Amino acid sequence: MPRRSAAVYRRRRLALLLALVLVIAVIGVSIWLVVAKPWANAAESETPKPTAPASDTSSPVATDTATASTQPTSEETPGIVACEAKDVVVEALTDADTYEAGVLPQLSIRLTNNGSTDCTIDVGSSTQVFTVSSGDDVWWRSTDCQQNPSSMIATLAAGATVESKTPVTWDRTRSSVETCSSENRPHAPGGGASYHVDVQIGGFAGTVSKQILLY
């Protein structure tokens, strides 16, 4: 039997060495995937976005207030007590003072903490009530046709004034729980008619009405 050359033996040893390196690399990658679980880390680090509740134009959308987005909740800041009525000022805001025919008023909330310490307040849609009145006649209440109200506990910093980000739309109709699905609700008279917007949130009522005029 002829003797093989040294080059043949070197090629065989090189092939075996490459195969051994490949096996070690595959095992190493498998171990890293099991230990590191990169897909699990990505899923755990992603914060799901809340789903806004379905609503018509007469239902307040779950308000994402500035307090909730910029201040930690009471769960993150232990020891912070609930806000008290003597410290919190609630105001109704509108995007205009007068509205031409067909223009729908946008209603918002301003909160001020006049106290000397931070406090917590529920700013969720379940605690918000906008009321539009003409004299003693209540024309519209935001909770009449509200869907999926939610709670959101937020921290209101001492001395801070914040406003809600997402306004609530009044469709210029008279609301009631019996007419939520009706398309023929009475429309509020215009022609310069005066209406007052009141609001309460977190159990605290606004002290001053906001007057608007409809044309």
Protein backbone atom coordinates (compact mmCIF):
# COMPACT_ATOMS: atom_id res chain seq x y z
CA MET A 1 0.00 0.00 0.00
CA PRO A 2 1.56 3.32 -1.03
CA ARG A 3 2.48 5.72 1.75
CA ARG A 4 0.38 8.92 1.81
CA SER A 5 2.20 12.22 1.67
CA ALA A 6 2.51 14.59 4.64
CA ALA A 7 0.29 17.11 2.80
CA VAL A 8 -2.64 14.64 2.82
CA TYR A 9 -2.32 14.18 6.60
CA ARG A 10 -2.18 17.94 7.12
CA ARG A 11 -5.36 18.44 5.09
CA ARG A 12 -7.16 15.77 7.12
CA ARG A 13 -6.08 17.32 10.44
CA LEU A 14 -7.19 20.76 9.24
CA ALA A 15 -10.62 19.40 8.23
CA LEU A 16 -11.10 17.76 11.63
CA LEU A 17 -10.04 20.95 13.40
CA LEU A 18 -12.54 23.06 11.42
CA ALA A 19 -15.34 20.60 12.18
CA LEU A 20 -14.52 20.73 15.89
CA VAL A 21 -14.53 24.56 15.88
CA LEU A 22 -17.92 24.59 14.11
CA VAL A 23 -19.46 22.24 16.70
CA ILE A 24 -18.14 24.38 19.58
CA ALA A 25 -19.54 27.57 17.97
CA VAL A 26 -23.00 26.02 17.52
CA ILE A 27 -23.06 24.87 21.16
CA GLY A 28 -21.95 28.32 22.32
CA VAL A 29 -24.74 30.10 20.40
CA SER A 30 -27.34 27.69 21.78
CA ILE A 31 -26.19 28.29 25.35
CA TRP A 32 -26.33 32.10 24.84
CA LEU A 33 -29.89 31.92 23.49
CA VAL A 34 -31.05 29.86 26.47
CA VAL A 35 -29.38 32.06 29.07
CA ALA A 36 -29.82 35.52 27.54
CA LYS A 37 -33.33 35.07 26.03
CA PRO A 38 -33.10 38.25 23.95
CA TRP A 39 -36.67 37.89 22.72
CA ALA A 40 -37.96 37.76 26.36
CA ASN A 41 -36.05 40.91 27.27
CA ALA A 42 -37.58 42.80 24.36
CA ALA A 43 -41.10 41.76 25.30
CA GLU A 44 -40.66 42.58 28.96
CA SER A 45 -39.20 46.01 28.31
CA GLU A 46 -42.04 47.09 26.03
CA THR A 47 -44.80 48.95 27.86
CA PRO A 48 -48.22 48.26 26.35
CA LYS A 49 -50.14 51.38 25.35
CA PRO A 50 -53.56 51.80 26.97
CA THR A 51 -56.54 51.49 24.67
CA ALA A 52 -58.77 54.53 24.63
CA PRO A 53 -62.39 53.66 25.42
CA ALA A 54 -64.92 53.90 22.62
CA SER A 55 -67.04 57.02 22.86
CA ASP A 56 -69.27 59.33 20.86
CA THR A 57 -68.85 63.09 20.74
CA SER A 58 -70.77 63.44 23.97
CA SER A 59 -68.54 61.06 25.94
CA PRO A 60 -65.25 62.15 27.46
CA VAL A 61 -62.26 60.25 26.21
CA ALA A 62 -60.05 58.91 29.00
CA THR A 63 -58.06 62.03 29.67
CA ASP A 64 -54.29 61.75 29.60
CA THR A 65 -53.53 64.59 31.96
CA ALA A 66 -50.20 66.31 32.40
CA THR A 67 -50.06 65.10 35.98
CA ALA A 68 -50.23 61.52 34.87
CA SER A 69 -47.59 61.89 32.16
CA THR A 70 -45.04 64.02 34.02
CA GLN A 71 -45.45 63.07 37.67
CA PRO A 72 -44.99 59.66 39.33
CA THR A 73 -48.01 57.92 40.80
CA SER A 74 -48.50 57.40 44.51
CA GLU A 75 -47.41 53.80 44.06
CA GLU A 76 -44.01 55.05 42.89
CA THR A 77 -43.75 57.67 45.62
CA PRO A 78 -44.83 56.06 48.91
CA GLY A 79 -46.00 58.42 51.64
CA ILE A 80 -47.75 60.95 49.40
CA VAL A 81 -51.24 61.60 50.71
CA ALA A 82 -54.45 62.25 48.83
CA CYS A 83 -55.21 65.84 47.81
CA GLU A 84 -57.59 67.88 49.96
CA ALA A 85 -60.29 70.23 48.76
CA LYS A 86 -58.70 73.21 50.50
CA ASP A 87 -55.54 72.82 48.39
CA VAL A 88 -56.89 71.93 44.95
CA VAL A 89 -58.36 74.47 42.51
CA VAL A 90 -60.36 73.03 39.60
CA GLU A 91 -61.20 75.16 36.56
CA ALA A 92 -63.15 74.49 33.39
CA LEU A 93 -61.38 75.55 30.18
CA THR A 94 -62.67 76.00 26.64
CA ASP A 95 -60.78 76.52 23.41
CA ALA A 96 -62.75 79.70 22.69
CA ASP A 97 -65.22 82.13 24.23
CA THR A 98 -67.57 82.29 21.25
CA TYR A 99 -68.43 79.65 18.64
CA GLU A 100 -69.78 80.21 15.18
CA ALA A 101 -72.52 77.96 13.83
CA GLY A 102 -71.30 74.39 13.40
CA VAL A 103 -68.15 74.82 15.53
CA LEU A 104 -68.04 72.38 18.46
CA PRO A 105 -66.70 73.55 21.85
CA GLN A 106 -63.64 71.72 23.18
CA LEU A 107 -63.69 71.39 26.97
CA SER A 108 -60.65 70.84 29.20
CA ILE A 109 -59.60 70.95 32.85
CA ARG A 110 -57.00 72.97 34.76
CA LEU A 111 -55.76 71.73 38.15
CA THR A 112 -53.69 73.71 40.65
CA ASN A 113 -52.20 72.41 43.88
CA ASN A 114 -51.97 75.39 46.24
CA GLY A 115 -50.75 73.19 49.07
CA SER A 116 -47.19 72.95 50.33
CA THR A 117 -46.80 69.23 49.63
CA ASP A 118 -47.34 66.88 46.71
CA CYS A 119 -50.63 64.99 46.74
CA THR A 120 -52.44 62.32 44.73
CA ILE A 121 -55.69 62.66 42.83
CA ASP A 122 -57.73 60.39 40.56
CA VAL A 123 -57.74 62.11 37.16
CA GLY A 124 -59.33 59.20 35.28
CA SER A 125 -62.39 59.61 33.09
CA SER A 126 -64.52 57.93 35.78
CA THR A 127 -64.10 61.00 38.02
CA GLN A 128 -64.60 63.70 35.36
CA VAL A 129 -67.95 65.40 34.86
CA PHE A 130 -68.48 68.30 32.45
CA THR A 131 -71.85 70.04 32.62
CA VAL A 132 -73.18 72.61 30.14
CA SER A 133 -76.13 74.68 31.33
CA SER A 134 -78.24 77.59 30.20
CA GLY A 135 -79.49 79.24 33.36
CA ASP A 136 -80.96 76.43 35.48
CA ASP A 137 -81.47 74.21 32.44
CA VAL A 138 -78.79 71.51 32.14
CA TRP A 139 -78.26 70.92 28.43
CA TRP A 140 -75.44 68.40 28.43
CA ARG A 141 -73.56 66.19 30.88
CA SER A 142 -70.46 64.30 29.77
CA THR A 143 -71.27 61.21 31.84
CA ASP A 144 -74.70 60.63 30.26
CA CYS A 145 -73.27 58.61 27.38
CA GLN A 146 -69.78 57.86 28.64
CA GLN A 147 -68.33 54.46 27.75
CA ASN A 148 -65.69 52.44 29.61
CA PRO A 149 -64.75 55.00 32.29
CA SER A 150 -61.35 54.40 33.86
CA SER A 151 -59.37 55.44 36.92
CA MET A 152 -55.89 57.02 36.87
CA ILE A 153 -54.17 58.00 40.12
CA ALA A 154 -51.61 60.77 39.54
CA THR A 155 -49.39 62.96 41.70
CA LEU A 156 -49.99 66.72 41.65
CA ALA A 157 -46.82 68.51 42.69
CA ALA A 158 -47.00 71.27 45.30
CA GLY A 159 -47.54 74.63 43.60
CA ALA A 160 -48.06 73.02 40.19
CA THR A 161 -50.70 73.97 37.64
CA VAL A 162 -51.51 71.42 34.93
CA GLU A 163 -54.07 71.07 32.16
CA SER A 164 -55.65 68.04 30.53
CA LYS A 165 -54.15 67.15 27.15
CA THR A 166 -57.17 65.62 25.42
CA PRO A 167 -60.26 67.86 25.32
CA VAL A 168 -63.84 66.63 25.53
CA THR A 169 -66.14 67.70 22.70
CA TRP A 170 -69.65 69.02 23.24
CA ASP A 171 -71.69 68.30 20.14
CA ARG A 172 -74.09 71.18 20.89
CA THR A 173 -76.99 68.82 21.60
CA ARG A 174 -79.07 68.03 24.68
CA SER A 175 -77.85 64.79 26.29
CA SER A 176 -79.63 62.13 28.30
CA VAL A 177 -78.96 58.49 29.04
CA GLU A 178 -81.99 57.54 26.92
CA THR A 179 -80.78 59.26 23.73
CA CYS A 180 -77.14 58.14 23.47
CA SER A 181 -77.71 56.28 20.21
CA SER A 182 -80.14 58.82 18.77
CA GLU A 183 -79.17 61.03 15.84
CA ASN A 184 -82.05 63.42 16.47
CA ARG A 185 -81.21 64.96 19.82
CA PRO A 186 -82.28 68.61 20.22
CA HIS A 187 -79.61 71.09 19.19
CA ALA A 188 -78.69 73.96 21.51
CA PRO A 189 -79.95 77.32 20.24
CA GLY A 190 -77.34 79.70 18.85
CA GLY A 191 -77.67 83.31 17.84
CA GLY A 192 -75.46 84.48 20.68
CA ALA A 193 -77.07 82.27 23.35
CA SER A 194 -75.07 82.05 26.58
CA TYR A 195 -74.05 78.77 28.21
CA HIS A 196 -71.95 77.94 31.26
CA VAL A 197 -69.47 75.07 31.53
CA ASP A 198 -68.81 73.51 34.93
CA VAL A 199 -66.47 70.66 35.77
CA GLN A 200 -65.49 68.38 38.59
CA ILE A 201 -62.70 65.83 38.80
CA GLY A 202 -61.41 63.49 41.48
CA GLY A 203 -64.29 64.50 43.74
CA PHE A 204 -63.38 68.20 43.55
CA ALA A 205 -65.75 70.65 41.87
CA GLY A 206 -64.72 73.79 40.03
CA THR A 207 -65.65 76.98 41.84
CA VAL A 208 -66.19 79.17 38.78
CA SER A 209 -68.24 78.48 35.63
CA LYS A 210 -66.79 79.18 32.19
CA GLN A 211 -69.18 81.19 30.01
CA ILE A 212 -69.37 80.57 26.26
CA LEU A 213 -71.58 82.01 23.50
CA LEU A 214 -73.02 79.98 20.63
CA TYR A 215 -73.91 81.47 17.24
